[in-house]
Protein backbone atom coordinates (compact mmCIF):
# COMPACT_ATOMS: atom_id res chain seq x y z
CA UNK A 1 25.74 22.08 29.30
CA UNK A 2 22.50 22.61 28.09
CA UNK A 3 19.77 20.10 29.07
CA UNK A 4 18.86 17.81 26.03
CA UNK A 5 15.19 18.42 25.29
CA UNK A 6 13.02 15.33 25.06
CA UNK A 7 11.10 14.57 21.84
CA UNK A 8 7.46 13.66 21.84
CA UNK A 9 7.69 10.20 21.89
CA UNK A 10 9.85 10.33 25.13
CA UNK A 11 7.26 11.16 27.08
CA UNK A 12 5.04 8.16 26.37
CA UNK A 13 7.52 5.72 25.25
CA UNK A 14 10.39 3.80 27.26
CA UNK A 15 13.84 2.93 26.09
CA UNK A 16 14.86 -0.59 24.98
CA UNK A 17 15.83 -2.41 27.86
CA UNK A 18 17.57 -5.45 25.94
CA UNK A 19 14.25 -7.33 26.56
CA UNK A 20 11.74 -7.58 23.58
CA UNK A 21 9.03 -10.23 24.28
CA UNK A 22 9.74 -10.54 28.11
CA UNK A 23 10.17 -6.76 28.92
CA UNK A 24 7.43 -4.85 30.58
CA UNK A 25 6.95 -2.51 27.64
CA UNK A 26 6.11 -3.65 24.21
CA UNK A 27 6.75 -0.70 22.38
CA UNK A 28 10.29 0.87 23.00
CA UNK A 29 12.88 3.10 21.05
CA UNK A 30 16.50 2.79 20.80
CA UNK A 31 18.69 5.91 20.47
CA UNK A 32 17.94 9.60 19.70
CA UNK A 33 16.36 11.52 17.29
CA UNK A 34 13.09 11.09 15.38
CA UNK A 35 11.10 7.56 15.20
CA UNK A 36 9.72 8.59 11.87
CA UNK A 37 6.21 9.15 10.71
CA UNK A 38 5.22 5.54 10.85
CA UNK A 39 6.54 4.99 14.41
CA UNK A 40 5.08 8.15 15.88
CA UNK A 41 1.61 7.16 14.03
CA UNK A 42 1.54 4.06 16.21
CA UNK A 43 2.99 5.67 19.35
CA UNK A 44 0.01 8.40 19.18
CA UNK A 45 -2.62 5.60 19.11
CA UNK A 46 -1.38 3.02 21.40
CA UNK A 47 -2.95 4.06 24.40
CA UNK A 48 -6.63 4.16 23.05
CA UNK A 49 -6.49 0.75 21.88
CA UNK A 50 -6.66 -0.57 25.14
CA UNK A 51 -9.90 0.72 25.68
CA UNK A 52 -11.39 -1.01 22.51
CA UNK A 53 -9.46 -4.11 23.22
CA UNK A 54 -11.48 -4.51 26.61
CA UNK A 55 -14.72 -4.68 24.72
CA UNK A 56 -13.74 -7.62 22.78
CA UNK A 57 -10.99 -9.45 25.29
CA UNK A 58 -10.98 -12.66 25.64
CA UNK A 59 -12.54 -13.50 21.97
CA UNK A 60 -10.32 -10.74 20.02
CA UNK A 61 -7.20 -9.40 21.28
CA UNK A 62 -6.39 -6.14 19.88
CA UNK A 63 -2.82 -4.67 20.09
CA UNK A 64 0.12 -2.97 18.39
CA UNK A 65 2.56 -6.14 17.68
CA UNK A 66 5.67 -5.84 19.72
CA UNK A 67 8.19 -3.39 18.60
CA UNK A 68 11.39 -1.40 19.02
CA UNK A 69 12.32 1.67 16.96
CA UNK A 70 15.90 2.60 15.94
CA UNK A 71 15.85 6.19 15.95
CA UNK A 72 17.39 8.52 13.19
CA UNK A 73 20.59 9.69 15.11
CA UNK A 74 21.90 6.06 14.28
CA UNK A 75 20.91 6.55 10.36
CA UNK A 76 23.41 9.50 10.65
CA UNK A 77 26.08 7.91 12.39
CA UNK A 78 25.79 5.13 9.93
CA UNK A 79 26.02 7.09 6.96
CA UNK A 80 28.95 9.52 8.33
CA UNK A 81 30.99 6.63 10.15
CA UNK A 82 31.01 4.58 6.47
CA UNK A 83 31.38 7.80 4.36
CA UNK A 84 28.18 6.94 2.17
CA UNK A 85 26.91 10.22 1.43
CA UNK A 86 28.61 10.41 -1.96
CA UNK A 87 26.96 7.24 -3.33
CA UNK A 88 23.45 7.73 -1.52
CA UNK A 89 22.92 11.06 -3.48
CA UNK A 90 24.40 9.99 -6.53
CA UNK A 91 22.16 8.81 -9.73
CA UNK A 92 23.55 5.54 -9.15
CA UNK A 93 21.58 2.29 -9.55
CA UNK A 94 19.61 0.89 -6.54
CA UNK A 95 21.58 -2.12 -6.55
CA UNK A 96 25.12 -0.04 -6.48
CA UNK A 97 23.60 1.85 -3.51
CA UNK A 98 22.52 -1.22 -1.77
CA UNK A 99 25.46 -3.09 -2.08
CA UNK A 100 27.83 0.00 -0.60
CA UNK A 101 25.43 0.34 2.19
CA UNK A 102 25.67 -3.42 3.09
CA UNK A 103 29.27 -3.18 3.04
CA UNK A 104 28.94 -0.65 5.79
CA UNK A 105 29.28 -1.21 9.71
CA UNK A 106 26.35 -0.49 12.02
CA UNK A 107 27.42 2.06 14.83
CA UNK A 108 29.11 0.10 17.79
CA UNK A 109 26.27 1.65 20.17
CA UNK A 110 23.58 0.16 18.39
CA UNK A 111 25.04 -3.34 18.01
CA UNK A 112 24.77 -4.58 21.62
CA UNK A 113 21.28 -3.87 21.86
CA UNK A 114 20.61 -5.72 18.60
CA UNK A 115 22.60 -8.63 19.70
CA UNK A 116 20.66 -9.02 22.68
CA UNK A 117 17.18 -8.68 21.00
CA UNK A 118 18.20 -11.34 18.60
CA UNK A 119 19.52 -13.46 21.27
CA UNK A 120 16.08 -14.01 22.76
CA UNK A 121 13.96 -13.99 19.68
CA UNK A 122 13.46 -16.83 17.09
CA UNK A 123 10.27 -15.93 15.37
CA UNK A 124 9.82 -13.83 12.19
CA UNK A 125 10.43 -10.25 12.42
CA UNK A 126 9.40 -7.26 9.90
CA UNK A 127 12.25 -4.52 9.24
CA UNK A 128 10.06 -1.69 8.32
CA UNK A 129 10.84 1.89 7.48
CA UNK A 130 9.60 4.89 9.51
CA UNK A 131 11.32 7.88 7.34
CA UNK A 132 10.69 11.73 9.12
CA UNK A 133 8.33 12.20 6.02
CA UNK A 134 6.47 9.02 5.81
CA UNK A 135 2.77 9.31 6.70
CA UNK A 136 2.46 13.11 6.32
CA UNK A 137 -0.80 14.33 5.29
CA UNK A 138 -0.28 15.65 1.96
CA UNK A 139 3.03 13.52 1.22
CA UNK A 140 2.52 10.12 2.69
CA UNK A 141 5.32 8.34 1.01
CA UNK A 142 3.35 4.97 0.95
CA UNK A 143 5.39 2.28 -0.49
CA UNK A 144 8.24 4.48 -1.39
CA UNK A 145 10.58 2.84 1.17
CA UNK A 146 11.12 -0.75 2.03
CA UNK A 147 9.79 -3.56 4.53
CA UNK A 148 11.69 -6.75 4.76
CA UNK A 149 10.44 -9.68 6.63
CA UNK A 150 12.86 -12.15 7.74
CA UNK A 151 12.16 -15.88 9.13
CA UNK A 152 14.76 -15.43 11.98
CA UNK A 153 14.48 -19.00 13.07
CA UNK A 154 18.21 -20.10 12.14
CA UNK A 155 19.60 -22.04 15.34
CA UNK A 156 22.86 -19.91 15.37
CA UNK A 157 22.34 -16.60 16.80
CA UNK A 158 25.22 -15.14 14.89
CA UNK A 159 23.31 -15.81 11.66
CA UNK A 160 20.05 -14.42 13.02
CA UNK A 161 22.13 -11.08 13.88
CA UNK A 162 23.54 -10.95 10.55
CA UNK A 163 20.26 -11.38 8.67
CA UNK A 164 18.80 -8.56 10.95
CA UNK A 165 21.43 -6.22 10.22
CA UNK A 166 21.43 -6.98 6.49
CA UNK A 167 17.89 -6.07 6.66
CA UNK A 168 18.24 -2.69 8.60
CA UNK A 169 21.04 -1.73 6.10
CA UNK A 170 18.80 -2.48 3.12
CA UNK A 171 15.84 -0.12 4.77
CA UNK A 172 18.61 2.66 5.06
CA UNK A 173 19.56 2.14 1.74
CA UNK A 174 16.08 2.47 0.17
CA UNK A 175 15.95 5.99 1.50
CA UNK A 176 18.26 6.68 -1.47
CA UNK A 177 16.90 4.49 -4.24
CA UNK A 178 15.41 5.64 -7.51
CA UNK A 179 11.71 5.43 -6.63
CA UNK A 180 12.22 7.32 -3.57
CA UNK A 181 14.09 10.21 -5.30
CA UNK A 182 11.76 10.56 -7.94
CA UNK A 183 8.65 10.71 -5.30
CA UNK A 184 10.51 13.32 -3.50
CA UNK A 185 11.36 15.37 -6.66
CA UNK A 186 7.40 16.26 -6.71
CA UNK A 187 7.43 17.36 -3.06
CA UNK A 188 8.71 20.77 -1.22
CA UNK A 189 11.52 18.46 -0.05
CA UNK A 190 15.04 17.28 -1.05
CA UNK A 191 16.80 14.08 -0.40
CA UNK A 192 18.72 15.56 2.08
CA UNK A 193 15.83 16.40 4.40
CA UNK A 194 14.88 12.74 4.70
CA UNK A 195 16.25 10.75 7.72
CA UNK A 196 15.16 7.10 8.08
CA UNK A 197 14.21 5.17 11.35
CA UNK A 198 13.53 1.70 11.57
CA UNK A 199 10.74 -0.34 13.04
CA UNK A 200 11.62 -4.13 14.46
CA UNK A 201 8.41 -5.73 14.87
CA UNK A 202 6.88 -9.39 15.41
CA UNK A 203 5.17 -10.86 12.61
CA UNK A 204 1.31 -11.73 13.20
CA UNK A 205 0.43 -15.06 11.97
CA UNK A 206 1.41 -18.70 12.65
CA UNK A 207 3.38 -21.21 11.05
CA UNK A 208 2.43 -23.78 8.63
CA UNK A 209 4.46 -26.05 6.22
CA UNK A 210 7.56 -23.85 6.61
CA UNK A 211 5.73 -20.48 5.64
CA UNK A 212 4.51 -18.29 8.09
CA UNK A 213 1.45 -15.68 7.47
CA UNK A 214 -1.74 -14.47 9.02
CA UNK A 215 -5.16 -15.29 8.01
CA UNK A 216 -6.26 -12.11 7.04
CA UNK A 217 -4.51 -8.96 6.37
CA UNK A 218 -6.29 -5.59 5.31
CA UNK A 219 -6.36 -1.79 5.02
CA UNK A 220 -9.38 0.09 6.31
CA UNK A 221 -10.26 3.69 5.33
CA UNK A 222 -12.75 6.15 6.81
CA UNK A 223 -13.72 7.57 3.65
CA UNK A 224 -14.99 5.42 0.41
CA UNK A 225 -14.12 7.06 -2.87
CA UNK A 226 -16.53 4.74 -4.64
CA UNK A 227 -19.64 3.81 -2.40
CA UNK A 228 -22.21 1.39 -3.79
CA UNK A 229 -25.69 0.59 -3.07
CA UNK A 230 -26.70 2.23 0.35
CA UNK A 231 -23.24 2.91 1.61
CA UNK A 232 -22.15 6.41 2.09
CA UNK A 233 -18.53 7.91 1.41
CA UNK A 234 -18.34 8.66 5.04
CA UNK A 235 -19.11 4.67 5.92
CA UNK A 236 -15.43 3.86 4.77
CA UNK A 237 -14.20 0.91 2.81
CA UNK A 238 -12.19 -2.21 3.88
CA UNK A 239 -10.03 -4.39 1.71
CA UNK A 240 -9.23 -7.95 2.81
CA UNK A 241 -6.81 -10.52 1.68
CA UNK A 242 -5.13 -13.92 3.01
CA UNK A 243 -1.62 -13.67 3.95
CA UNK A 244 0.88 -10.84 4.01
CA UNK A 245 -0.31 -7.47 3.18
CA UNK A 246 1.67 -7.20 -0.04
CA UNK A 247 -1.21 -8.61 -1.81
CA UNK A 248 -3.40 -5.46 -1.01
CA UNK A 249 -0.92 -2.80 -0.72
CA UNK A 250 1.50 -3.64 -3.84
CA UNK A 251 -0.86 -5.85 -5.70
CA UNK A 252 -4.30 -4.30 -5.12
CA UNK A 253 -5.85 -7.38 -4.90
CA UNK A 254 -8.58 -8.03 -2.00
CA UNK A 255 -11.99 -8.27 -1.03
CA UNK A 256 -13.65 -5.09 -0.63
CA UNK A 257 -16.80 -4.03 1.22
CA UNK A 258 -18.06 -1.41 3.66
CA UNK A 259 -17.93 -2.03 7.23
CA UNK A 260 -21.26 -0.61 7.73
CA UNK A 261 -22.71 -3.53 5.29
CA UNK A 262 -20.13 -6.22 5.69
CA UNK A 263 -22.80 -8.62 3.89
CA UNK A 264 -23.00 -6.82 0.70
CA UNK A 265 -20.64 -8.28 -2.07
CA UNK A 266 -18.45 -6.07 -4.13
CA UNK A 267 -20.04 -5.03 -7.69
CA UNK A 268 -19.51 -7.57 -10.64
CA UNK A 269 -21.16 -8.47 -13.88
CA UNK A 270 -21.25 -11.98 -13.43
CA UNK A 271 -19.98 -14.70 -11.31
CA UNK A 272 -17.26 -15.86 -13.79
CA UNK A 273 -16.44 -12.17 -13.33
CA UNK A 274 -16.05 -12.35 -9.64
CA UNK A 275 -14.24 -15.38 -9.87
CA UNK A 276 -11.42 -13.59 -12.01
CA UNK A 277 -11.39 -10.78 -9.42
CA UNK A 278 -10.85 -13.20 -6.77
CA UNK A 279 -7.56 -13.45 -5.04
CA UNK A 280 -5.87 -16.89 -5.99
CA UNK A 281 -2.52 -16.50 -4.45
CA UNK A 282 -0.93 -15.18 -1.15
CA UNK A 283 2.27 -13.93 0.35
CA UNK A 284 3.91 -15.78 3.18
CA UNK A 285 7.62 -15.88 4.89
CA UNK A 286 9.41 -18.68 3.68
CA UNK A 287 10.65 -20.53 6.90
CA UNK A 288 12.63 -23.25 5.06
CA UNK A 289 16.16 -22.91 3.45
CA UNK A 290 16.47 -19.70 1.42
CA UNK A 291 16.19 -20.21 -2.02
CA UNK A 292 19.07 -17.91 -2.85
CA UNK A 293 21.21 -15.50 -0.80
CA UNK A 294 20.28 -11.75 -1.97
CA UNK A 295 20.47 -9.18 0.98
CA UNK A 296 19.43 -6.26 -1.30
CA UNK A 297 16.11 -8.08 -2.29
CA UNK A 298 13.14 -6.93 -0.55
CA UNK A 299 11.23 -10.23 -1.05
CA UNK A 300 14.45 -12.65 -0.45
CA UNK A 301 12.49 -14.59 2.43
CA UNK A 302 9.09 -14.21 1.17
CA UNK A 303 7.20 -16.40 -1.69
CA UNK A 304 3.88 -16.49 -3.04
CA UNK A 305 1.59 -19.77 -2.88
CA UNK A 306 -1.60 -20.67 -4.34
CA UNK A 307 -4.49 -20.53 -2.20
CA UNK A 308 -4.84 -24.66 -2.36
CA UNK A 309 -1.74 -24.62 -0.19
CA UNK A 310 -3.51 -22.52 2.29
CA UNK A 311 -6.51 -24.88 2.26
CA UNK A 312 -3.86 -27.77 2.87
CA UNK A 313 -2.75 -25.54 5.97
CA UNK A 314 -6.44 -25.46 6.96
CA UNK A 315 -6.42 -21.68 6.58
CA UNK A 316 -9.68 -21.38 4.40
CA UNK A 317 -12.32 -22.52 6.91
CA UNK A 318 -13.26 -18.66 7.87
CA UNK A 319 -12.22 -16.77 4.70
CA UNK A 320 -13.51 -18.69 1.83
CA UNK A 321 -16.67 -19.87 -0.24
CA UNK A 322 -16.95 -22.23 -3.16
CA UNK A 323 -18.16 -21.61 -6.82
CA UNK A 324 -20.85 -24.51 -7.52
CA UNK A 325 -20.32 -25.11 -11.31
CA UNK A 326 -23.60 -26.93 -11.79
CA UNK A 327 -25.77 -24.55 -10.05
CA UNK A 328 -23.90 -21.40 -10.96
CA UNK A 329 -23.87 -20.24 -7.54
CA UNK A 330 -21.60 -19.44 -4.84
CA UNK A 331 -21.99 -21.40 -1.31
CA UNK A 332 -20.23 -20.51 1.77
CA UNK A 333 -17.50 -22.58 3.17
CA UNK A 334 -15.46 -25.19 1.63
CA UNK A 335 -17.63 -28.18 2.33
CA UNK A 336 -18.40 -28.71 -1.19
CA UNK A 337 -16.08 -29.40 -4.26
CA UNK A 338 -15.28 -26.45 -6.56
CA UNK A 339 -13.07 -23.05 -7.07
CA UNK A 340 -12.72 -21.15 -3.92
CA UNK A 341 -13.53 -17.50 -3.50
CA UNK A 342 -11.86 -15.63 -0.87
CA UNK A 343 -14.73 -13.29 0.31
CA UNK A 344 -14.44 -14.12 4.14
CA UNK A 345 -18.24 -15.02 4.32
CA UNK A 346 -18.20 -16.72 7.68
CA UNK A 347 -16.72 -13.55 9.25
CA UNK A 348 -18.64 -11.07 7.24
CA UNK A 349 -21.70 -12.52 7.11
CA UNK A 350 -21.81 -15.25 10.05
CA UNK A 351 -20.06 -12.54 12.09
CA UNK A 352 -17.65 -15.57 13.41
CA UNK A 353 -15.20 -12.54 14.65
CA UNK A 354 -16.96 -9.05 15.09
CA UNK A 355 -14.36 -7.84 12.41
CA UNK A 356 -16.43 -5.15 10.81
CA UNK A 357 -17.56 -3.77 14.18
CA UNK A 358 -14.01 -3.73 15.45
CA UNK A 359 -12.83 -1.85 12.24
CA UNK A 360 -15.71 0.63 12.72
CA UNK A 361 -14.40 1.28 16.17
CA UNK A 362 -10.72 1.69 15.41
CA UNK A 363 -11.32 4.21 12.42
CA UNK A 364 -13.51 6.35 14.56
CA UNK A 365 -10.95 6.29 17.49
CA UNK A 366 -8.15 7.17 14.88
CA UNK A 367 -10.13 10.01 13.48
CA UNK A 368 -10.67 11.21 16.85
CA UNK A 369 -7.01 10.87 17.55
CA UNK A 370 -5.30 12.16 14.34
CA UNK A 371 -8.42 14.80 14.01
CA UNK A 372 -8.47 13.48 10.14
CA UNK A 373 -10.07 10.85 8.02
CA UNK A 374 -7.47 8.03 8.14
CA UNK A 375 -6.35 4.83 6.51
CA UNK A 376 -5.48 1.79 8.87
CA UNK A 377 -3.25 -1.31 8.16
CA UNK A 378 -3.67 -4.36 10.19
CA UNK A 379 -3.16 -8.25 10.36
CA UNK A 380 -5.47 -11.13 12.12
CA UNK A 381 -4.51 -14.33 13.26
CA UNK A 382 -7.34 -16.96 14.14
CA UNK A 383 -7.56 -20.03 15.78
CA UNK A 384 -7.72 -22.71 12.81
CA UNK A 385 -10.94 -24.46 14.63
CA UNK A 386 -13.07 -22.19 16.28
CA UNK A 387 -12.20 -18.78 15.07
CA UNK A 388 -11.58 -17.33 18.37
CA UNK A 389 -9.48 -16.63 20.28
CA UNK A 390 -8.18 -14.07 17.36
CA UNK A 391 -5.42 -11.56 17.62
CA UNK A 392 -5.83 -8.56 15.57
CA UNK A 393 -2.43 -6.81 15.12
CA UNK A 394 -2.62 -2.87 14.31
CA UNK A 395 0.33 -2.04 12.07
CA UNK A 396 0.16 1.40 10.78
CA UNK A 397 -2.20 4.42 10.89
CA UNK A 398 -1.95 7.25 8.41
CA UNK A 399 -4.34 10.45 7.72
CA UNK A 400 -6.17 10.84 4.35
CA UNK A 401 -6.85 13.84 2.22
CA UNK A 402 -10.35 14.48 1.00
CA UNK A 403 -11.13 17.38 -0.71
CA UNK A 404 -14.27 19.74 0.54
CA UNK A 405 -14.45 21.73 -2.41
CA UNK A 406 -17.81 21.86 -3.84
CA UNK A 407 -17.86 21.55 -7.66
CA UNK A 408 -21.00 20.52 -9.77
CA UNK A 409 -20.86 18.10 -12.93
CA UNK A 410 -24.19 18.03 -14.49
CA UNK A 411 -24.98 14.39 -16.38
CA UNK A 412 -25.38 16.49 -19.54
CA UNK A 413 -21.96 17.78 -19.66
CA UNK A 414 -20.70 14.30 -19.99
CA UNK A 415 -22.24 13.97 -23.48
CA UNK A 416 -21.11 17.44 -25.01
CA UNK A 417 -19.39 17.39 -28.19
CA UNK A 418 -16.24 18.91 -26.88
CA UNK A 419 -15.40 16.19 -24.18
CA UNK A 420 -12.10 14.24 -24.40
CA UNK A 421 -12.61 11.95 -21.28
CA UNK A 422 -16.14 11.34 -19.15
CA UNK A 423 -16.78 9.22 -16.23
CA UNK A 424 -19.22 8.18 -13.79
CA UNK A 425 -16.76 6.71 -11.64
CA UNK A 426 -14.25 9.67 -10.75
CA UNK A 427 -12.15 10.11 -7.74
CA UNK A 428 -10.82 13.28 -6.68
CA UNK A 429 -12.90 16.63 -5.96
CA UNK A 430 -11.92 20.02 -7.57
CA UNK A 431 -11.38 21.76 -11.17
CA UNK A 432 -8.22 22.29 -13.32
CA UNK A 433 -7.76 24.83 -15.81
CA UNK A 434 -3.93 24.76 -16.07
CA UNK A 435 -3.11 21.39 -17.97
CA UNK A 436 -2.11 21.45 -21.68
CA UNK A 437 -0.25 17.98 -21.92
CA UNK A 438 -1.68 14.71 -22.47
CA UNK A 439 0.44 11.46 -22.16
CA UNK A 440 -1.50 8.62 -23.77
CA UNK A 441 -0.93 4.84 -24.71
CA UNK A 442 -1.56 4.35 -28.27
CA UNK A 443 -4.73 1.81 -28.51
CA UNK A 444 -3.33 0.37 -31.63
CA UNK A 445 0.04 -0.67 -30.17
CA UNK A 446 -1.21 -1.87 -26.47
CA UNK A 447 -0.44 -5.28 -25.83
CA UNK A 448 -0.60 -6.82 -22.51
CA UNK A 449 2.79 -8.74 -22.64
CA UNK A 450 4.32 -5.05 -23.27
CA UNK A 451 3.25 -3.55 -20.37
CA UNK A 452 6.44 -3.66 -18.52
CA UNK A 453 8.32 -2.05 -21.56
CA UNK A 454 5.48 0.46 -21.65
CA UNK A 455 6.09 1.40 -17.89
CA UNK A 456 10.00 1.93 -19.00
CA UNK A 457 8.93 4.58 -21.75
CA UNK A 458 6.25 6.38 -19.20
CA UNK A 459 9.23 6.53 -16.67
CA UNK A 460 11.38 8.47 -19.09
CA UNK A 461 8.94 10.78 -20.28
CA UNK A 462 7.54 11.67 -16.84
CA UNK A 463 10.94 12.55 -15.66
CA UNK A 464 11.36 14.98 -18.34
CA UNK A 465 7.77 16.56 -17.89
CA UNK A 466 8.42 16.90 -14.16
CA UNK A 467 11.85 18.57 -14.92
CA UNK A 468 10.11 21.04 -17.26
CA UNK A 469 7.55 21.56 -14.71
CA UNK A 470 4.81 20.37 -17.34
CA UNK A 471 1.93 18.47 -15.39
CA UNK A 472 -0.08 16.29 -17.59
CA UNK A 473 -3.23 14.10 -18.08
CA UNK A 474 -2.19 10.44 -18.44
CA UNK A 475 -4.44 7.88 -20.18
CA UNK A 476 -4.12 4.19 -20.42
CA UNK A 477 -5.42 0.45 -20.26
CA UNK A 478 -5.86 -1.48 -17.03
CA UNK A 479 -5.11 -0.78 -13.48
CA UNK A 480 -2.32 1.79 -12.80
CA UNK A 481 0.09 0.93 -10.24
CA UNK A 482 -0.48 -2.80 -10.55
CA UNK A 483 2.51 -5.14 -9.83
CA UNK A 484 0.96 -7.65 -11.97
CA UNK A 485 1.94 -6.65 -15.59
CA UNK A 486 -1.29 -8.53 -16.86
CA UNK A 487 -3.52 -6.57 -14.98
CA UNK A 488 -2.16 -3.12 -16.15
CA UNK A 489 0.90 -0.93 -16.08
CA UNK A 490 3.53 -2.15 -13.45
CA UNK A 491 5.01 0.93 -11.92
CA UNK A 492 4.92 3.01 -8.85
CA UNK A 493 3.81 6.45 -7.90
CA UNK A 494 7.13 8.12 -8.65
CA UNK A 495 7.32 6.78 -12.11
CA UNK A 496 4.16 9.09 -13.12
CA UNK A 497 4.56 11.43 -10.34
CA UNK A 498 4.12 14.52 -13.04
CA UNK A 499 0.63 13.38 -13.68
CA UNK A 500 -2.39 15.41 -12.18
CA UNK A 501 -5.12 13.55 -13.84
CA UNK A 502 -4.76 9.74 -14.35
CA UNK A 503 -7.24 8.06 -16.44
CA UNK A 504 -7.81 4.20 -16.66
CA UNK A 505 -9.98 2.41 -19.20
CA UNK A 506 -10.80 -1.50 -19.40
CA UNK A 507 -10.54 -4.03 -22.19
CA UNK A 508 -12.60 -7.14 -22.35
CA UNK A 509 -9.85 -9.26 -21.10
CA UNK A 510 -8.77 -6.54 -18.76
CA UNK A 511 -11.36 -5.77 -15.97
CA UNK A 512 -10.35 -4.90 -12.72
CA UNK A 513 -11.39 -2.32 -10.05
CA UNK A 514 -9.17 0.25 -8.73
CA UNK A 515 -8.01 -1.19 -5.43
CA UNK A 516 -8.59 1.39 -2.57
CA UNK A 517 -6.36 -0.66 -0.12
CA UNK A 518 -3.15 -0.16 -2.38
CA UNK A 519 -0.35 2.19 -1.43
CA UNK A 520 -0.49 3.69 -5.38
CA UNK A 521 -3.99 4.58 -4.37
CA UNK A 522 -3.20 6.28 -1.10
CA UNK A 523 -0.55 8.44 -2.91
CA UNK A 524 -2.69 9.72 -5.84
CA UNK A 525 -5.40 10.84 -3.14
CA UNK A 526 -2.94 12.49 -0.64
CA UNK A 527 -1.34 14.33 -3.90
CA UNK A 528 -5.12 15.19 -4.74
CA UNK A 529 -4.95 13.74 -8.36
CA UNK A 530 -7.78 13.19 -10.12
CA UNK A 531 -8.45 9.71 -11.23
CA UNK A 532 -11.11 8.56 -14.06
CA UNK A 533 -12.28 4.99 -14.49
CA UNK A 534 -13.65 4.43 -18.00
CA UNK A 535 -14.93 1.07 -18.74
CA UNK A 536 -15.20 -0.47 -22.19
CA UNK A 537 -18.86 -1.17 -21.83
CA UNK A 538 -20.31 1.89 -20.66
CA UNK A 539 -21.75 4.83 -22.62
CA UNK A 540 -18.84 7.34 -22.08
CA UNK A 541 -15.88 6.91 -24.38
CA UNK A 542 -12.55 8.40 -24.54
CA UNK A 543 -12.27 10.53 -27.85
CA UNK A 544 -9.20 8.81 -29.50
CA UNK A 545 -10.08 10.62 -32.65
CA UNK A 546 -9.72 14.07 -31.26
CA UNK A 547 -6.14 13.00 -29.28
CA UNK A 548 -4.60 11.81 -32.55
CA UNK A 549 -5.33 15.04 -34.12
CA UNK A 550 -3.41 16.93 -31.50
CA UNK A 551 0.12 18.45 -31.94
CA UNK A 552 2.72 15.60 -31.29
CA UNK A 553 5.47 16.66 -28.85
CA UNK A 554 6.97 13.51 -28.30
CA UNK A 555 6.45 9.79 -29.66
CA UNK A 556 7.72 6.64 -28.70
CA UNK A 557 6.75 2.73 -29.75
CA UNK A 558 3.88 2.91 -27.42
CA UNK A 559 3.47 6.34 -26.33
CA UNK A 560 1.92 9.50 -27.57
CA UNK A 561 2.70 12.93 -25.86
CA UNK A 562 0.53 15.90 -27.16
CA UNK A 563 0.62 19.49 -26.20
CA UNK A 564 -2.43 21.63 -26.72
CA UNK A 565 -2.68 25.53 -27.43
CA UNK A 566 -5.20 25.92 -24.64
CA UNK A 567 -5.67 24.59 -21.46
CA UNK A 568 -7.89 21.57 -20.81
CA UNK A 569 -10.96 22.12 -18.67
CA UNK A 570 -10.92 19.37 -15.89
CA UNK A 571 -13.79 18.92 -13.29
CA UNK A 572 -14.44 16.21 -10.79
CA UNK A 573 -17.55 16.07 -8.76
CA UNK A 574 -16.64 14.00 -5.45
CA UNK A 575 -19.93 14.05 -4.07
CA UNK A 576 -21.40 12.40 -7.49
CA UNK A 577 -18.28 10.58 -8.34
CA UNK A 578 -18.47 11.98 -12.04
CA UNK A 579 -15.92 13.42 -14.11
CA UNK A 580 -15.12 15.55 -17.34
CA UNK A 581 -12.13 16.56 -19.40
CA UNK A 582 -13.02 18.89 -22.03
CA UNK A 583 -11.24 21.10 -24.63
CA UNK A 584 -12.16 24.53 -26.05
């Protein structure tokens, strides 16, 4: 009988020994096959973290939170043993697929290890996707699959085991949800190519009044597409938020800064504008009685709270400043009365913990190991009184795509008569001369309270255009990919996956910066989608009159789809941040 070849991770990781926190190894695996892209990225980087950790110990502990990975052979067995292939590959609704997976039984070979794990562990766990295709260079599948947080604090180990199993099945089911199928349709793969590994990992944070969360969660990128002031693109960019990372990666809300210039605030027109953009709510794991039983809901055990609750928990000491109304100024700390601004000033300006320095070191190490620019996700837990000792939990690393094409866009090109869209805040780099379709939200029909309906109309039209292989320019209002219907169009990348150029324009009551920490942002950069931002107060405008004169192919209540007789000329100069879309 031939000897089984070892996978790459089996050379550096050890099998799970039925001890989670008390075992010798903190990064283990269960089963055979692949551990998926997300887990493999952590496995590739875990050894280099030790050197960086030694520089900051004992004030800051830098580590990968304890985890074990269920390898993909159990995913295959689960589908086969429960005869789930038909429903998985069908066009069935997500909830139908999820319920079918919940009725399935996990392989007996896996159950013993899971029972051993759960019998020892009573603290919150994150059940995270780690598919084979996840975190690839040009097809990262960011936020396509699910992560489920469970409190894992029930007294009865059978209840804890049941909740863990439900979460694993839910992550398995998300492999076949509609958003995943939509996303995979624009790649060279098919759903049949995908296999899911599952990460079971401790959650970084602490317990406060029946809610569990970290004081800081963040995303750092080694390349900044929108550098400001003295910052250069290669200085990178960081987004910080209070609470679980869902605030940044799904909602795109956070405090942005360059790790080279941590004391410089993000741009704003007025202090009032800064207050509007500041984080006012945070996500936490609800540790009390669940509000309702719903095993196919990602946020079943998560709740959103006002930051006033975090202040009651004592967690704004190192993360907030105060707006002093009488003086119209921001004062560091929370010693005065007034609205709180989550600007992390005690850390970034007073260096209470060397966060910016740690992030610079991590980005450099990850770039060297992955041989590309990178994006990392992390969570930080602080001592509530002194800040240190602090724990920096390294959660994820994935490669970034940054085009090196040389494209020049001169300033005078932005003002020519044949310009449809021009921007001095354009993301991407390159030239496109093949697009003849434009999809845009009709300005006269746009209303903030209609954004959910607009998202549904866009999804249907996108499906038709993807099937017909017609790439298009997409133009609309607010922040694309926002999960907040009041901030923009609430959709995921897969719902507008056929757009090769995306344009956002603001309104006086909708003024948001594109969050470079969001998963939506990562997907558009990885697929090398050009992104134009056109603010309503800037001199450059969208030529709505010209758009309204073009040949209409499809029109709905909120959307108009036009097709041109000849392709648009699209250019983006990544070095200058300029972009222009023009017609013949």
